């Protein structure tokens, strides 16, 4: 019985440590995304790579991952991240698709692709940016760096 109690205590401590690590990572990712949304600029970005989420049994495995490119002030910029850093769809996007990219004014390399804002032509870009000037995007800290108040 003493051995069982030690094993249960060890599992509880491991579980608590894992939960603490998850919350710390979420907090770090949230802080990394905040400057992008504080004083944002927008540009059209092209998805260059998409890897959908891989699951192992019932537990999550590899998260969805993207790479994309865009231009700011004549400079070509490439960026990428996975679903642990910011929202990436688990399936759907295709390389070559264009979406609105939000970037930090003072550091244009710090950006996120906004999959809720697909760009088919320049009219989409104008419509989205006009809307976002009136109703800026906000991060929801509790929903794992997802966007709230994203009326199109």
Protein backbone atom coordinates (compact mmCIF):
# COMPACT_ATOMS: atom_id res chain seq x y z
CA UNK A 1 0.00 0.00 0.00
CA UNK A 2 2.85 2.38 0.75
CA UNK A 3 4.21 1.79 -2.77
CA UNK A 4 0.81 2.59 -4.33
CA UNK A 5 0.57 5.80 -2.34
CA UNK A 6 4.03 6.87 -3.55
CA UNK A 7 3.10 6.09 -7.15
CA UNK A 8 -0.12 8.10 -6.92
CA UNK A 9 1.75 11.00 -5.36
CA UNK A 10 4.34 10.87 -8.13
CA UNK A 11 1.62 10.89 -10.83
CA UNK A 12 -0.15 13.82 -9.19
CA UNK A 13 3.10 15.80 -9.03
CA UNK A 14 3.91 14.99 -12.66
CA UNK A 15 0.40 16.02 -13.72
CA UNK A 16 0.68 19.31 -11.85
CA UNK A 17 4.09 19.99 -13.43
CA UNK A 18 2.70 19.33 -16.92
CA UNK A 19 -0.24 21.68 -16.32
CA UNK A 20 2.11 24.41 -15.09
CA UNK A 21 4.33 24.02 -18.17
CA UNK A 22 1.27 24.25 -20.49
CA UNK A 23 0.09 27.45 -18.81
CA UNK A 24 3.56 28.98 -18.96
CA UNK A 25 3.84 28.20 -22.69
CA UNK A 26 0.42 29.71 -23.33
CA UNK A 27 1.38 32.83 -21.43
CA UNK A 28 4.65 33.14 -23.37
CA UNK A 29 2.84 32.74 -26.71
CA UNK A 30 0.21 35.27 -25.68
CA UNK A 31 2.91 37.82 -24.77
CA UNK A 32 4.62 37.16 -28.12
CA UNK A 33 1.38 37.83 -30.03
CA UNK A 34 0.33 40.96 -28.13
CA UNK A 35 2.70 43.43 -29.91
CA UNK A 36 1.33 42.32 -33.28
CA UNK A 37 -2.21 43.23 -32.28
CA UNK A 38 -1.38 46.42 -30.33
CA UNK A 39 -0.58 48.62 -33.35
CA UNK A 40 -1.21 46.36 -36.34
CA UNK A 41 -0.58 46.76 -40.03
CA UNK A 42 -2.03 44.50 -42.70
CA UNK A 43 -0.78 43.03 -45.94
CA UNK A 44 -1.71 40.19 -48.29
CA UNK A 45 0.28 37.02 -47.63
CA UNK A 46 0.66 33.84 -49.64
CA UNK A 47 0.66 30.46 -47.94
CA UNK A 48 3.75 28.56 -49.07
CA UNK A 49 3.51 25.46 -46.85
CA UNK A 50 0.78 23.77 -44.83
CA UNK A 51 1.07 20.63 -42.74
CA UNK A 52 -2.12 19.43 -41.11
CA UNK A 53 -2.29 18.19 -37.54
CA UNK A 54 -1.23 14.62 -36.92
CA UNK A 55 -2.82 12.65 -34.13
CA UNK A 56 -1.57 9.53 -32.44
CA UNK A 57 -4.54 7.55 -31.24
CA UNK A 58 -6.67 9.82 -29.09
CA UNK A 59 -3.84 12.11 -28.05
CA UNK A 60 -2.60 15.03 -30.13
CA UNK A 61 0.67 14.57 -31.95
CA UNK A 62 2.24 17.07 -34.31
CA UNK A 63 0.31 20.37 -34.52
CA UNK A 64 -0.70 22.06 -37.77
CA UNK A 65 2.14 24.15 -39.20
CA UNK A 66 2.34 26.89 -41.84
CA UNK A 67 4.87 28.97 -43.74
CA UNK A 68 3.98 32.05 -45.70
CA UNK A 69 5.46 35.05 -47.46
CA UNK A 70 4.49 38.70 -47.84
CA UNK A 71 5.99 42.08 -48.69
CA UNK A 72 6.36 45.15 -46.50
CA UNK A 73 7.92 48.32 -47.91
CA UNK A 74 9.43 46.37 -50.80
CA UNK A 75 11.06 43.79 -48.51
CA UNK A 76 10.08 40.16 -49.03
CA UNK A 77 9.48 38.44 -45.69
CA UNK A 78 8.96 34.75 -44.94
CA UNK A 79 7.47 33.56 -41.69
CA UNK A 80 5.97 30.45 -40.19
CA UNK A 81 4.62 28.96 -36.99
CA UNK A 82 2.53 26.11 -35.69
CA UNK A 83 -0.77 25.82 -33.88
CA UNK A 84 0.91 26.06 -30.49
CA UNK A 85 1.90 29.67 -31.24
CA UNK A 86 -1.25 30.92 -32.95
CA UNK A 87 -4.37 29.60 -34.63
CA UNK A 88 -3.68 27.33 -37.61
CA UNK A 89 -6.53 25.31 -39.14
CA UNK A 90 -6.24 21.56 -38.72
CA UNK A 91 -7.03 21.11 -42.42
CA UNK A 92 -8.09 23.05 -45.49
CA UNK A 93 -5.51 25.64 -46.56
CA UNK A 94 -3.56 24.99 -49.74
CA UNK A 95 -0.15 26.37 -50.68
CA UNK A 96 -0.72 29.34 -52.97
CA UNK A 97 -3.87 30.53 -51.16
CA UNK A 98 -3.78 34.15 -50.03
CA UNK A 99 -4.89 35.49 -46.67
CA UNK A 100 -4.70 38.67 -44.69
CA UNK A 101 -1.49 38.93 -42.64
CA UNK A 102 -1.34 41.10 -39.54
CA UNK A 103 2.12 42.33 -38.58
CA UNK A 104 3.78 44.50 -35.97
CA UNK A 105 4.37 48.03 -37.24
CA UNK A 106 7.83 48.34 -35.67
CA UNK A 107 8.92 44.78 -36.53
CA UNK A 108 7.25 43.57 -39.76
CA UNK A 109 8.82 40.10 -39.38
CA UNK A 110 6.59 39.58 -36.34
CA UNK A 111 3.33 38.51 -38.00
CA UNK A 112 0.44 36.07 -38.07
CA UNK A 113 -1.66 34.82 -40.98
CA UNK A 114 -5.40 35.31 -40.46
CA UNK A 115 -7.21 32.33 -41.99
CA UNK A 116 -10.64 33.85 -41.36
CA UNK A 117 -9.78 36.50 -43.96
CA UNK A 118 -9.13 34.82 -47.33
CA UNK A 119 -8.05 37.16 -50.12
CA UNK A 120 -9.41 36.50 -53.61
CA UNK A 121 -8.82 40.00 -54.96
CA UNK A 122 -7.86 43.51 -53.86
CA UNK A 123 -11.49 44.29 -52.99
CA UNK A 124 -11.32 41.67 -50.21
CA UNK A 125 -8.19 43.30 -48.81
CA UNK A 126 -9.77 46.77 -48.82
CA UNK A 127 -13.01 45.51 -47.28
CA UNK A 128 -11.22 43.61 -44.50
CA UNK A 129 -8.82 46.41 -43.60
CA UNK A 130 -11.62 49.00 -43.56
CA UNK A 131 -13.60 46.76 -41.22
CA UNK A 132 -10.60 46.07 -38.98
CA UNK A 133 -9.85 49.79 -38.63
CA UNK A 134 -13.34 50.24 -37.18
CA UNK A 135 -13.36 47.01 -35.17
CA UNK A 136 -9.76 45.91 -34.38
CA UNK A 137 -8.99 42.29 -33.62
CA UNK A 138 -8.34 41.34 -30.01
CA UNK A 139 -6.64 38.30 -28.58
CA UNK A 140 -8.48 36.08 -26.16
CA UNK A 141 -5.97 35.02 -23.57
CA UNK A 142 -8.12 32.19 -22.26
CA UNK A 143 -8.81 30.63 -25.65
CA UNK A 144 -5.18 29.88 -26.46
CA UNK A 145 -4.30 33.00 -28.43
CA UNK A 146 -7.41 32.95 -30.56
CA UNK A 147 -9.07 36.09 -31.83
CA UNK A 148 -12.25 37.53 -30.36
CA UNK A 149 -14.51 40.23 -31.83
CA UNK A 150 -13.55 39.30 -35.39
CA UNK A 151 -16.56 40.59 -37.30
CA UNK A 152 -15.87 40.59 -41.01
